[in-house]
Amino acid sequence: VIKNYVENQGNQEEKEAYQQMKILDF
């Protein structure tokens, strides 16, 4: 759900934050 939200609506800053969150198993 979070991944789809970031891909569909996230701006570049949010996408970079998501890349870091994936390391924490988000």
PDB file of N, CA and C in Angstrom:
ATOM      1  N   VAL A   1       0.847  -1.199   0.000  1.00  0.00           N
ATOM      2  CA  VAL A   1       0.000   0.000   0.000  1.00  0.00           C
ATOM      3  C   VAL A   1       0.876   1.240   0.000  1.00  0.00           C
ATOM      4  N   ILE A   2       1.855   1.258   0.891  1.00  0.00           N
ATOM      5  CA  ILE A   2       2.745   2.424   0.939  1.00  0.00           C
ATOM      6  C   ILE A   2       3.511   2.541  -0.374  1.00  0.00           C
ATOM      7  N   LYS A   3       3.968   1.411  -0.900  1.00  0.00           N
ATOM      8  CA  LYS A   3       4.730   1.447  -2.147  1.00  0.00           C
ATOM      9  C   LYS A   3       3.879   2.023  -3.271  1.00  0.00           C
ATOM     10  N   ASN A   4       2.631   1.568  -3.363  1.00  0.00           N
ATOM     11  CA  ASN A   4       1.768   2.062  -4.432  1.00  0.00           C
ATOM     12  C   ASN A   4       1.500   3.545  -4.273  1.00  0.00           C
ATOM     13  N   TYR A   5       1.325   3.983  -3.029  1.00  0.00           N
ATOM     14  CA  TYR A   5       1.079   5.400  -2.795  1.00  0.00           C
ATOM     15  C   TYR A   5       2.270   6.223  -3.242  1.00  0.00           C
ATOM     16  N   VAL A   6       3.465   5.785  -2.881  1.00  0.00           N
ATOM     17  CA  VAL A   6       4.658   6.553  -3.235  1.00  0.00           C
ATOM     18  C   VAL A   6       4.840   6.575  -4.746  1.00  0.00           C
ATOM     19  N   GLU A   7       4.618   5.430  -5.391  1.00  0.00           N
ATOM     20  CA  GLU A   7       4.821   5.377  -6.839  1.00  0.00           C
ATOM     21  C   GLU A   7       3.805   6.239  -7.567  1.00  0.00           C
ATOM     22  N   ASN A   8       2.578   6.294  -7.043  1.00  0.00           N
ATOM     23  CA  ASN A   8       1.512   7.003  -7.751  1.00  0.00           C
ATOM     24  C   ASN A   8       1.466   8.482  -7.408  1.00  0.00           C
ATOM     25  N   GLN A   9       1.769   8.840  -6.159  1.00  0.00           N
ATOM     26  CA  GLN A   9       1.550  10.206  -5.718  1.00  0.00           C
ATOM     27  C   GLN A   9       2.796  10.851  -5.131  1.00  0.00           C
ATOM     28  N   GLY A  10       3.823  10.041  -4.835  1.00  0.00           N
ATOM     29  CA  GLY A  10       5.004  10.589  -4.179  1.00  0.00           C
ATOM     30  C   GLY A  10       5.798  11.490  -5.105  1.00  0.00           C
ATOM     31  N   ASN A  11       6.298  12.578  -4.558  1.00  0.00           N
ATOM     32  CA  ASN A  11       7.233  13.402  -5.312  1.00  0.00           C
ATOM     33  C   ASN A  11       8.637  12.833  -5.115  1.00  0.00           C
ATOM     34  N   GLN A  12       9.642  13.467  -5.715  1.00  0.00           N
ATOM     35  CA  GLN A  12      10.982  12.887  -5.658  1.00  0.00           C
ATOM     36  C   GLN A  12      11.469  12.758  -4.221  1.00  0.00           C
ATOM     37  N   GLU A  13      11.170  13.746  -3.402  1.00  0.00           N
ATOM     38  CA  GLU A  13      11.621  13.697  -2.013  1.00  0.00           C
ATOM     39  C   GLU A  13      11.005  12.496  -1.294  1.00  0.00           C
ATOM     40  N   GLU A  14       9.719  12.267  -1.532  1.00  0.00           N
ATOM     41  CA  GLU A  14       9.049  11.142  -0.876  1.00  0.00           C
ATOM     42  C   GLU A  14       9.602   9.815  -1.384  1.00  0.00           C
ATOM     43  N   LYS A  15       9.918   9.754  -2.681  1.00  0.00           N
ATOM     44  CA  LYS A  15      10.472   8.510  -3.215  1.00  0.00           C
ATOM     45  C   LYS A  15      11.827   8.220  -2.587  1.00  0.00           C
ATOM     46  N   GLU A  16      12.643   9.252  -2.379  1.00  0.00           N
ATOM     47  CA  GLU A  16      13.940   9.030  -1.743  1.00  0.00           C
ATOM     48  C   GLU A  16      13.757   8.568  -0.310  1.00  0.00           C
ATOM     49  N   ALA A  17      12.789   9.151   0.392  1.00  0.00           N
ATOM     50  CA  ALA A  17      12.528   8.731   1.771  1.00  0.00           C
ATOM     51  C   ALA A  17      12.050   7.281   1.781  1.00  0.00           C
ATOM     52  N   TYR A  18      11.228   6.898   0.806  1.00  0.00           N
ATOM     53  CA  TYR A  18      10.747   5.518   0.746  1.00  0.00           C
ATOM     54  C   TYR A  18      11.899   4.544   0.516  1.00  0.00           C
ATOM     55  N   GLN A  19      12.844   4.934  -0.345  1.00  0.00           N
ATOM     56  CA  GLN A  19      13.989   4.056  -0.583  1.00  0.00           C
ATOM     57  C   GLN A  19      14.723   3.778   0.720  1.00  0.00           C
ATOM     58  N   GLN A  20      14.841   4.788   1.586  1.00  0.00           N
ATOM     59  CA  GLN A  20      15.508   4.589   2.865  1.00  0.00           C
ATOM     60  C   GLN A  20      14.632   3.744   3.794  1.00  0.00           C
ATOM     61  N   MET A  21      13.327   3.939   3.758  1.00  0.00           N
ATOM     62  CA  MET A  21      12.438   3.179   4.634  1.00  0.00           C
ATOM     63  C   MET A  21      12.456   1.698   4.285  1.00  0.00           C
ATOM     64  N   LYS A  22      12.658   1.372   2.999  1.00  0.00           N
ATOM     65  CA  LYS A  22      12.673  -0.036   2.611  1.00  0.00           C
ATOM     66  C   LYS A  22      13.766  -0.787   3.355  1.00  0.00           C
ATOM     67  N   ILE A  23      14.840  -0.100   3.698  1.00  0.00           N
ATOM     68  CA  ILE A  23      15.910  -0.754   4.454  1.00  0.00           C
ATOM     69  C   ILE A  23      15.378  -1.211   5.813  1.00  0.00           C
ATOM     70  N   LEU A  24      14.382  -0.491   6.333  1.00  0.00           N
ATOM     71  CA  LEU A  24      13.800  -0.827   7.629  1.00  0.00           C
ATOM     72  C   LEU A  24      12.581  -1.735   7.472  1.00  0.00           C
ATOM     73  N   ASP A  25      12.459  -2.397   6.309  1.00  0.00           N
ATOM     74  CA  ASP A  25      11.367  -3.337   6.049  1.00  0.00           C
ATOM     75  C   ASP A  25      10.014  -2.655   6.052  1.00  0.00           C
ATOM     76  N   PHE A  26       9.952  -1.449   5.580  1.00  0.00           N
ATOM     77  CA  PHE A  26       8.648  -0.809   5.406  1.00  0.00           C
ATOM     78  C   PHE A  26       7.973  -1.347   4.147  1.00  0.00           C
TER      79      PHE A  26
END
